[in-house]
């Protein structure tokens, strides 16, 4: 079976060619449709990822199983003429994380069932993450145990991914999913020794599990390049601080995968790819851009005499159902109110699927219909999206502005990974 596209990126980077791919980590239909726009994406593949908490055999917080998510993504692609064979599906943080309240044996049974479902559903990029402690585990979990559990999960994937070329991502030095819960000043990049030890431990564990063939398809190692975002600030990539880690990649021979690259500058993203971070994951920034556009449209509706009060409605919803933001945001009442709507961690993204939120968004979009908005008004509230639409010769409809604001974020990644 020929190498997968992701494996060609390993070869390119090992030959000092700065190529990469963006991992789009979202389940929002507008975000995914923007990423799968055939005019916007060109001819290359698109990598769409789901996390263990988001999508699993129990439904996750989206209510979707892996097969449901696959069908959902394929349906969005087919609606706009995007070939489904250009879609790479990835599973992120696949391991016992959703079930850590259970004992390790029960949690791993659940994790194995989840990985089997992902493999059967056609997810070919599998990030193995067994780094979390379960109810009867020591904390932190020994690295040897993490590697052993990752190999156990890989063996399950191999058994269930029949007819597919599965590739694997390993590594435990991952930033906090969804961003830090407070202000972050600096982060220490992964040490070269820790990176090398992680690879060696997984090599041993895969060999003991009798899945040496899978070991040959481990393409990337998740490491901390020194990037992160908090509720209100971003730690930018500093190539100088990561130079030892970058130098070690030539001996490791794998891609580095960078998580939490949201809100980095285009230059920083480009530096990451040049330094061997061939997989750049982005999620909250995309729904942040979506929320930004929705709130701008809400203000435009006010000016046009069609008030919907989307922001006020979302505030009411988040106060009624605080479970997705409480514990993540901190400060005075005024600071909490601001963070609920404008935080970089974008906890509001968990509310867009709520029927009340969907009703408000539908009302807002219906208020505009398919007619273009006044160009001067659109320029005032969404200048970058408006500029992109002008360059593309598209009218400033509400839907185009919404999608365009998301695509402006994706465009930065396209330039960084060499796809645009």
Protein backbone atom coordinates (compact mmCIF):
# COMPACT_ATOMS: atom_id res chain seq x y z
CA UNK A 1 0.00 0.00 0.00
CA UNK A 2 1.48 3.41 -0.94
CA UNK A 3 2.47 5.94 1.69
CA UNK A 4 -0.26 8.24 2.90
CA UNK A 5 -0.11 11.99 2.28
CA UNK A 6 0.96 12.53 5.88
CA UNK A 7 3.88 10.17 5.43
CA UNK A 8 5.06 12.23 2.46
CA UNK A 9 5.30 15.21 4.81
CA UNK A 10 7.73 13.27 6.99
CA UNK A 11 9.90 12.58 3.95
CA UNK A 12 9.75 16.23 2.89
CA UNK A 13 10.70 17.57 6.32
CA UNK A 14 13.51 15.02 6.65
CA UNK A 15 14.81 16.35 3.32
CA UNK A 16 14.67 19.93 4.68
CA UNK A 17 11.56 20.90 2.69
CA UNK A 18 9.23 23.01 4.85
CA UNK A 19 5.86 21.41 4.21
CA UNK A 20 3.01 20.71 6.57
CA UNK A 21 -0.72 20.43 7.05
CA UNK A 22 -3.36 22.17 9.14
CA UNK A 23 -5.40 20.02 11.49
CA UNK A 24 -8.88 21.57 11.69
CA UNK A 25 -10.28 20.64 15.10
CA UNK A 26 -13.91 21.65 15.15
CA UNK A 27 -17.39 20.17 14.88
CA UNK A 28 -19.14 23.41 13.93
CA UNK A 29 -20.82 23.08 10.51
CA UNK A 30 -19.92 26.61 9.38
CA UNK A 31 -16.26 26.12 10.33
CA UNK A 32 -16.09 22.77 8.59
CA UNK A 33 -17.88 24.06 5.51
CA UNK A 34 -15.39 26.92 5.32
CA UNK A 35 -12.50 24.47 5.55
CA UNK A 36 -14.05 22.24 2.87
CA UNK A 37 -14.85 25.02 0.41
CA UNK A 38 -13.39 23.65 -2.87
CA UNK A 39 -12.67 27.13 -4.22
CA UNK A 40 -10.82 28.12 -1.06
CA UNK A 41 -8.86 24.92 -0.43
CA UNK A 42 -7.41 24.29 -3.88
CA UNK A 43 -6.41 20.75 -4.81
CA UNK A 44 -4.78 19.42 -1.64
CA UNK A 45 -6.15 17.28 1.18
CA UNK A 46 -7.91 18.67 4.24
CA UNK A 47 -7.31 17.18 7.69
CA UNK A 48 -10.35 17.24 9.99
CA UNK A 49 -9.96 16.00 13.55
CA UNK A 50 -12.29 14.99 16.38
CA UNK A 51 -11.25 14.60 20.01
CA UNK A 52 -12.07 11.79 22.42
CA UNK A 53 -14.31 14.06 24.51
CA UNK A 54 -16.03 15.47 21.47
CA UNK A 55 -16.78 12.24 19.60
CA UNK A 56 -16.84 8.72 21.05
CA UNK A 57 -19.00 5.60 21.28
CA UNK A 58 -21.09 7.28 23.98
CA UNK A 59 -21.66 10.35 21.79
CA UNK A 60 -19.23 12.75 23.46
CA UNK A 61 -20.32 16.33 23.94
CA UNK A 62 -21.40 16.58 20.29
CA UNK A 63 -23.69 13.55 20.58
CA UNK A 64 -21.83 11.92 17.67
CA UNK A 65 -20.10 8.58 17.37
CA UNK A 66 -17.05 8.37 15.07
CA UNK A 67 -19.26 7.04 12.23
CA UNK A 68 -21.74 9.88 12.83
CA UNK A 69 -18.95 12.46 12.67
CA UNK A 70 -17.57 10.94 9.46
CA UNK A 71 -21.00 11.08 7.85
CA UNK A 72 -21.50 14.63 9.10
CA UNK A 73 -18.20 15.80 7.58
CA UNK A 74 -18.77 13.93 4.33
CA UNK A 75 -22.26 15.38 4.05
CA UNK A 76 -20.93 18.94 4.40
CA UNK A 77 -18.29 18.18 1.77
CA UNK A 78 -20.77 16.72 -0.70
CA UNK A 79 -23.08 19.71 -0.35
CA UNK A 80 -20.42 21.93 -1.90
CA UNK A 81 -18.78 19.50 -4.29
CA UNK A 82 -15.68 18.71 -2.24
CA UNK A 83 -14.38 15.20 -2.97
CA UNK A 84 -14.54 13.06 0.16
CA UNK A 85 -11.39 11.16 -0.85
CA UNK A 86 -9.46 14.39 -0.21
CA UNK A 87 -10.53 14.38 3.45
CA UNK A 88 -8.17 12.92 6.04
CA UNK A 89 -10.00 12.12 9.27
CA UNK A 90 -8.02 12.23 12.49
CA UNK A 91 -8.74 11.16 16.05
CA UNK A 92 -7.16 13.41 18.67
CA UNK A 93 -6.16 12.49 22.25
CA UNK A 94 -7.59 8.99 21.81
CA UNK A 95 -7.27 7.30 25.15
CA UNK A 96 -9.05 6.93 28.49
CA UNK A 97 -9.47 10.66 29.12
CA UNK A 98 -13.31 10.70 29.03
CA UNK A 99 -13.43 7.90 31.62
CA UNK A 100 -10.68 8.77 34.13
CA UNK A 101 -13.20 8.55 36.98
CA UNK A 102 -13.15 4.79 36.42
CA UNK A 103 -10.42 2.36 37.34
CA UNK A 104 -7.70 1.94 34.73
CA UNK A 105 -8.92 -1.47 33.47
CA UNK A 106 -12.46 -0.21 32.87
CA UNK A 107 -11.27 3.09 31.40
CA UNK A 108 -8.91 1.31 29.00
CA UNK A 109 -11.71 -1.04 27.93
CA UNK A 110 -13.76 2.03 27.02
CA UNK A 111 -10.76 3.59 25.28
CA UNK A 112 -10.15 0.44 23.25
CA UNK A 113 -13.80 0.35 22.16
CA UNK A 114 -13.52 4.00 21.11
CA UNK A 115 -10.33 3.47 19.10
CA UNK A 116 -11.92 0.46 17.38
CA UNK A 117 -14.88 2.64 16.37
CA UNK A 118 -12.59 5.38 15.06
CA UNK A 119 -10.59 2.90 12.97
CA UNK A 120 -13.69 1.21 11.58
CA UNK A 121 -15.19 4.59 10.70
CA UNK A 122 -12.25 5.49 8.45
CA UNK A 123 -10.17 7.72 10.71
CA UNK A 124 -6.63 7.12 9.48
CA UNK A 125 -4.63 9.54 11.66
CA UNK A 126 -4.67 8.34 15.24
CA UNK A 127 -3.17 10.37 18.09
CA UNK A 128 -2.57 7.93 20.93
CA UNK A 129 -2.80 9.72 24.28
CA UNK A 130 -2.90 7.54 27.38
CA UNK A 131 -1.11 10.10 29.56
CA UNK A 132 -3.95 10.76 31.98
CA UNK A 133 -4.26 9.00 35.35
CA UNK A 134 -7.38 6.94 36.05
CA UNK A 135 -9.05 6.49 39.44
CA UNK A 136 -6.64 3.82 40.66
CA UNK A 137 -3.48 5.23 39.02
CA UNK A 138 -0.57 7.17 40.50
CA UNK A 139 -0.37 10.79 39.40
CA UNK A 140 1.64 11.48 37.33
CA UNK A 141 1.46 8.24 35.39
CA UNK A 142 4.87 6.63 34.72
CA UNK A 143 6.05 7.07 31.15
CA UNK A 144 6.44 3.32 30.68
CA UNK A 145 2.76 2.81 31.54
CA UNK A 146 1.72 5.54 29.13
CA UNK A 147 3.67 3.91 26.31
CA UNK A 148 2.31 0.45 27.13
CA UNK A 149 -1.28 1.72 27.05
CA UNK A 150 -0.64 3.59 23.80
CA UNK A 151 0.63 0.37 22.23
CA UNK A 152 -2.47 -1.47 23.48
CA UNK A 153 -4.65 1.12 21.75
CA UNK A 154 -2.57 0.95 18.56
CA UNK A 155 -3.02 -2.82 18.44
CA UNK A 156 -6.79 -2.34 18.61
CA UNK A 157 -6.62 0.22 15.80
CA UNK A 158 -4.59 -2.20 13.67
CA UNK A 159 -7.17 -4.96 14.19
CA UNK A 160 -10.06 -2.72 13.19
CA UNK A 161 -8.59 -0.51 10.46
CA UNK A 162 -8.59 -3.28 7.87
CA UNK A 163 -7.89 -2.07 4.35
CA UNK A 164 -6.66 1.35 5.50
CA UNK A 165 -3.17 2.72 6.00
CA UNK A 166 -3.33 4.01 9.55
CA UNK A 167 -0.69 6.45 10.76
CA UNK A 168 0.00 7.27 14.38
CA UNK A 169 0.97 10.26 16.47
CA UNK A 170 2.53 9.68 19.88
CA UNK A 171 3.61 11.99 22.67
CA UNK A 172 2.41 13.20 26.03
CA UNK A 173 3.75 16.74 26.32
CA UNK A 174 0.57 18.40 25.19
CA UNK A 175 -0.78 21.81 26.21
CA UNK A 176 -4.03 22.02 28.15
CA UNK A 177 -6.81 21.18 25.65
CA UNK A 178 -8.64 24.36 24.71
CA UNK A 179 -6.01 26.66 26.20
CA UNK A 180 -4.88 27.56 29.68
CA UNK A 181 -7.39 28.77 32.24
CA UNK A 182 -5.42 31.87 33.20
CA UNK A 183 -2.75 34.30 32.02
CA UNK A 184 0.35 32.52 30.71
CA UNK A 185 3.70 34.31 30.34
CA UNK A 186 6.17 31.70 29.08
CA UNK A 187 6.36 27.97 28.47
CA UNK A 188 9.39 25.73 28.45
CA UNK A 189 9.77 23.77 25.20
CA UNK A 190 10.07 19.99 25.46
CA UNK A 191 13.63 18.94 26.16
CA UNK A 192 15.38 16.90 23.43
CA UNK A 193 15.97 14.13 25.97
CA UNK A 194 12.28 13.87 26.84
CA UNK A 195 11.39 13.75 23.14
CA UNK A 196 13.92 10.99 22.47
CA UNK A 197 12.84 9.02 25.56
CA UNK A 198 9.19 9.17 24.49
CA UNK A 199 10.02 7.71 21.09
CA UNK A 200 12.23 4.98 22.59
CA UNK A 201 9.59 3.93 25.13
CA UNK A 202 6.94 3.67 22.42
CA UNK A 203 9.28 1.68 20.18
CA UNK A 204 9.79 -0.83 22.99
CA UNK A 205 6.07 -0.98 23.81
CA UNK A 206 5.01 -1.46 20.19
CA UNK A 207 7.58 -4.24 19.76
CA UNK A 208 6.33 -6.03 22.91
CA UNK A 209 2.78 -5.75 21.57
CA UNK A 210 3.87 -7.38 18.31
CA UNK A 211 2.90 -4.42 16.14
CA UNK A 212 6.25 -3.47 14.60
CA UNK A 213 4.46 -2.72 11.31
CA UNK A 214 2.43 -0.02 13.08
CA UNK A 215 5.64 1.41 14.54
CA UNK A 216 6.83 2.07 10.99
CA UNK A 217 3.76 4.24 10.52
CA UNK A 218 4.30 6.48 13.53
CA UNK A 219 4.65 9.82 11.75
CA UNK A 220 4.71 12.46 14.45
CA UNK A 221 5.56 13.27 18.03
CA UNK A 222 3.53 15.78 20.03
CA UNK A 223 5.90 18.15 21.80
CA UNK A 224 5.61 21.54 23.44
CA UNK A 225 7.26 24.16 21.18
CA UNK A 226 6.62 26.90 23.73
CA UNK A 227 3.25 28.15 22.43
CA UNK A 228 0.01 28.56 24.32
CA UNK A 229 -2.94 30.88 24.78
CA UNK A 230 -4.68 31.83 27.99
CA UNK A 231 -8.02 33.51 28.48
CA UNK A 232 -6.67 36.88 27.39
CA UNK A 233 -3.10 36.48 26.11
CA UNK A 234 -1.01 34.46 23.68
CA UNK A 235 2.51 33.08 24.12
CA UNK A 236 4.12 33.45 20.70
CA UNK A 237 6.53 30.94 19.21
CA UNK A 238 10.16 31.87 19.79
CA UNK A 239 12.43 29.85 17.45
CA UNK A 240 15.49 30.67 19.55
CA UNK A 241 14.02 29.05 22.67
CA UNK A 242 13.10 25.89 20.75
CA UNK A 243 16.35 25.51 18.81
CA UNK A 244 17.60 22.48 20.80
CA UNK A 245 14.29 20.68 20.35
CA UNK A 246 14.31 21.56 16.65
CA UNK A 247 17.87 20.29 16.23
CA UNK A 248 16.91 16.97 17.84
CA UNK A 249 14.22 16.25 15.26
CA UNK A 250 16.76 15.17 12.63
CA UNK A 251 17.77 12.25 14.87
CA UNK A 252 14.20 11.42 15.86
CA UNK A 253 13.14 11.38 12.21
CA UNK A 254 9.46 12.19 12.85
CA UNK A 255 7.35 15.26 12.31
CA UNK A 256 6.62 17.36 15.35
CA UNK A 257 2.94 18.03 15.96
CA UNK A 258 2.10 21.36 17.58
CA UNK A 259 -1.08 21.78 19.60
CA UNK A 260 -2.61 25.10 20.72
CA UNK A 261 -1.19 27.06 17.78
CA UNK A 262 -4.32 29.25 17.83
CA UNK A 263 -3.79 33.02 17.62
CA UNK A 264 -0.14 32.75 16.55
CA UNK A 265 1.05 35.28 13.99
CA UNK A 266 1.42 34.15 10.38
CA UNK A 267 5.18 34.55 10.76
CA UNK A 268 5.22 32.36 13.88
CA UNK A 269 3.18 29.67 12.13
CA UNK A 270 5.59 29.75 9.19
CA UNK A 271 8.57 29.43 11.57
CA UNK A 272 6.94 26.41 13.20
CA UNK A 273 6.64 24.61 9.86
CA UNK A 274 10.20 25.57 8.90
CA UNK A 275 11.36 24.08 12.22
CA UNK A 276 9.75 20.70 11.54
CA UNK A 277 6.34 21.17 13.12
CA UNK A 278 4.59 19.63 10.14
CA UNK A 279 1.16 19.35 11.77
CA UNK A 280 -0.39 22.52 13.17
CA UNK A 281 -3.59 22.08 15.15
CA UNK A 282 -6.17 24.86 15.32
CA UNK A 283 -9.60 24.85 16.92
CA UNK A 284 -10.75 27.63 19.26
CA UNK A 285 -9.42 30.34 16.92
CA UNK A 286 -11.84 29.16 14.23
CA UNK A 287 -14.91 29.34 16.44
CA UNK A 288 -13.57 32.59 17.93
CA UNK A 289 -13.61 34.01 14.38
CA UNK A 290 -17.10 32.62 13.91
CA UNK A 291 -18.34 34.27 17.12
CA UNK A 292 -16.59 37.49 16.15
CA UNK A 293 -18.47 37.54 12.84
CA UNK A 294 -21.81 36.62 14.40
CA UNK A 295 -21.52 39.44 16.94
CA UNK A 296 -20.51 41.87 14.19
CA UNK A 297 -23.56 40.82 12.18
CA UNK A 298 -25.66 41.30 15.31
CA UNK A 299 -24.47 44.90 15.53
CA UNK A 300 -25.10 45.40 11.82
CA UNK A 301 -28.65 44.12 12.29
CA UNK A 302 -29.14 46.78 14.98
CA UNK A 303 -27.98 49.50 12.61
CA UNK A 304 -30.28 48.25 9.88
CA UNK A 305 -33.27 48.27 12.22
CA UNK A 306 -33.48 44.48 12.52
CA UNK A 307 -32.43 43.87 16.14
CA UNK A 308 -31.94 40.26 17.26
CA UNK A 309 -29.90 40.74 20.47
CA UNK A 310 -27.72 37.68 19.87
CA UNK A 311 -25.09 38.63 22.45
CA UNK A 312 -27.72 39.27 25.14
CA UNK A 313 -29.35 35.95 24.34
CA UNK A 314 -26.05 34.09 24.56
CA UNK A 315 -25.29 35.74 27.91
CA UNK A 316 -28.63 34.55 29.25
CA UNK A 317 -27.97 31.02 28.00
CA UNK A 318 -24.48 30.83 29.50
CA UNK A 319 -25.74 32.05 32.87
CA UNK A 320 -28.52 29.46 32.80
CA UNK A 321 -26.07 26.68 31.89
CA UNK A 322 -22.69 27.65 33.37
CA UNK A 323 -21.05 24.21 33.31
CA UNK A 324 -18.94 24.89 30.20
CA UNK A 325 -17.27 28.07 31.48
CA UNK A 326 -17.31 27.86 35.28
CA UNK A 327 -13.93 26.74 36.55
CA UNK A 328 -12.27 27.98 33.37
CA UNK A 329 -12.80 31.72 33.83
CA UNK A 330 -11.78 33.73 36.89
CA UNK A 331 -12.12 37.30 38.13
CA UNK A 332 -14.75 39.88 38.99
CA UNK A 333 -18.31 39.72 37.66
CA UNK A 334 -17.39 42.22 34.94
CA UNK A 335 -14.31 40.16 33.99
CA UNK A 336 -16.34 36.96 33.90
CA UNK A 337 -18.94 38.60 31.67
CA UNK A 338 -16.23 39.69 29.24
CA UNK A 339 -14.56 36.29 29.24
CA UNK A 340 -17.81 34.46 28.55
CA UNK A 341 -17.97 36.17 25.18
CA UNK A 342 -14.49 37.27 24.16
CA UNK A 343 -11.97 34.91 25.79
CA UNK A 344 -9.33 33.30 23.59
CA UNK A 345 -10.28 29.94 25.10
CA UNK A 346 -13.70 30.49 23.50
CA UNK A 347 -15.77 28.42 25.89
CA UNK A 348 -18.83 29.88 24.17
CA UNK A 349 -18.20 27.38 21.36
CA UNK A 350 -19.85 24.68 23.47
CA UNK A 351 -23.14 26.59 23.36
CA UNK A 352 -23.70 27.04 19.62
CA UNK A 353 -25.36 23.62 19.35
CA UNK A 354 -27.90 24.47 22.06
CA UNK A 355 -31.40 24.89 20.55
CA UNK A 356 -31.72 28.36 22.08
CA UNK A 357 -28.46 29.49 20.46
CA UNK A 358 -29.36 27.89 17.15
CA UNK A 359 -32.67 29.73 17.19
CA UNK A 360 -30.96 33.08 17.79
CA UNK A 361 -28.41 32.50 15.03
CA UNK A 362 -31.12 31.41 12.59
CA UNK A 363 -33.15 34.51 13.42
CA UNK A 364 -30.10 36.69 12.81
CA UNK A 365 -29.28 35.09 9.47
CA UNK A 366 -32.93 35.18 8.39
CA UNK A 367 -33.04 38.89 9.13
CA UNK A 368 -30.49 39.46 6.35
CA UNK A 369 -31.67 36.83 3.90
CA UNK A 370 -29.51 36.34 0.82
CA UNK A 371 -29.22 40.03 0.00
CA UNK A 372 -25.79 41.69 0.21
CA UNK A 373 -25.24 44.01 3.16
CA UNK A 374 -24.18 47.60 2.51
CA UNK A 375 -20.48 47.40 1.68
CA UNK A 376 -19.60 50.38 3.87
CA UNK A 377 -21.32 48.76 6.88
CA UNK A 378 -19.63 45.41 6.31
CA UNK A 379 -16.26 47.14 5.97
CA UNK A 380 -16.79 48.93 9.28
CA UNK A 381 -17.49 45.77 11.28
CA UNK A 382 -15.64 43.02 9.40
CA UNK A 383 -12.92 44.75 7.37
CA UNK A 384 -10.71 41.70 6.75
CA UNK A 385 -13.59 39.47 5.71
CA UNK A 386 -14.95 42.23 3.48
CA UNK A 387 -11.56 42.70 1.84
CA UNK A 388 -11.30 38.97 1.14
CA UNK A 389 -14.76 38.93 -0.42
CA UNK A 390 -13.87 41.90 -2.61
CA UNK A 391 -10.74 40.12 -3.85
CA UNK A 392 -12.77 36.99 -4.59
CA UNK A 393 -15.52 38.96 -6.31
CA UNK A 394 -18.15 37.70 -3.85
CA UNK A 395 -21.04 39.82 -2.52
CA UNK A 396 -21.03 40.69 1.20
CA UNK A 397 -23.96 38.51 2.22
CA UNK A 398 -24.22 37.54 5.86
CA UNK A 399 -23.29 33.95 5.04
CA UNK A 400 -20.27 35.00 2.97
CA UNK A 401 -19.04 37.30 5.72
CA UNK A 402 -19.42 34.56 8.30
CA UNK A 403 -17.53 32.00 6.25
CA UNK A 404 -14.98 34.58 5.10
CA UNK A 405 -14.00 35.48 8.65
CA UNK A 406 -13.25 31.83 9.41
CA UNK A 407 -11.35 31.40 6.15
CA UNK A 408 -9.16 34.39 6.95
CA UNK A 409 -7.81 32.38 9.91
CA UNK A 410 -7.37 29.26 7.79
CA UNK A 411 -5.57 31.32 5.15
CA UNK A 412 -2.77 32.06 7.63
CA UNK A 413 -2.28 28.34 8.08
CA UNK A 414 -2.37 27.71 4.34
CA UNK A 415 0.48 30.15 3.85
CA UNK A 416 2.44 28.63 6.74
CA UNK A 417 2.16 25.00 5.60
CA UNK A 418 2.89 25.79 1.97
CA UNK A 419 -0.65 25.23 0.70
CA UNK A 420 -1.56 28.77 -0.22
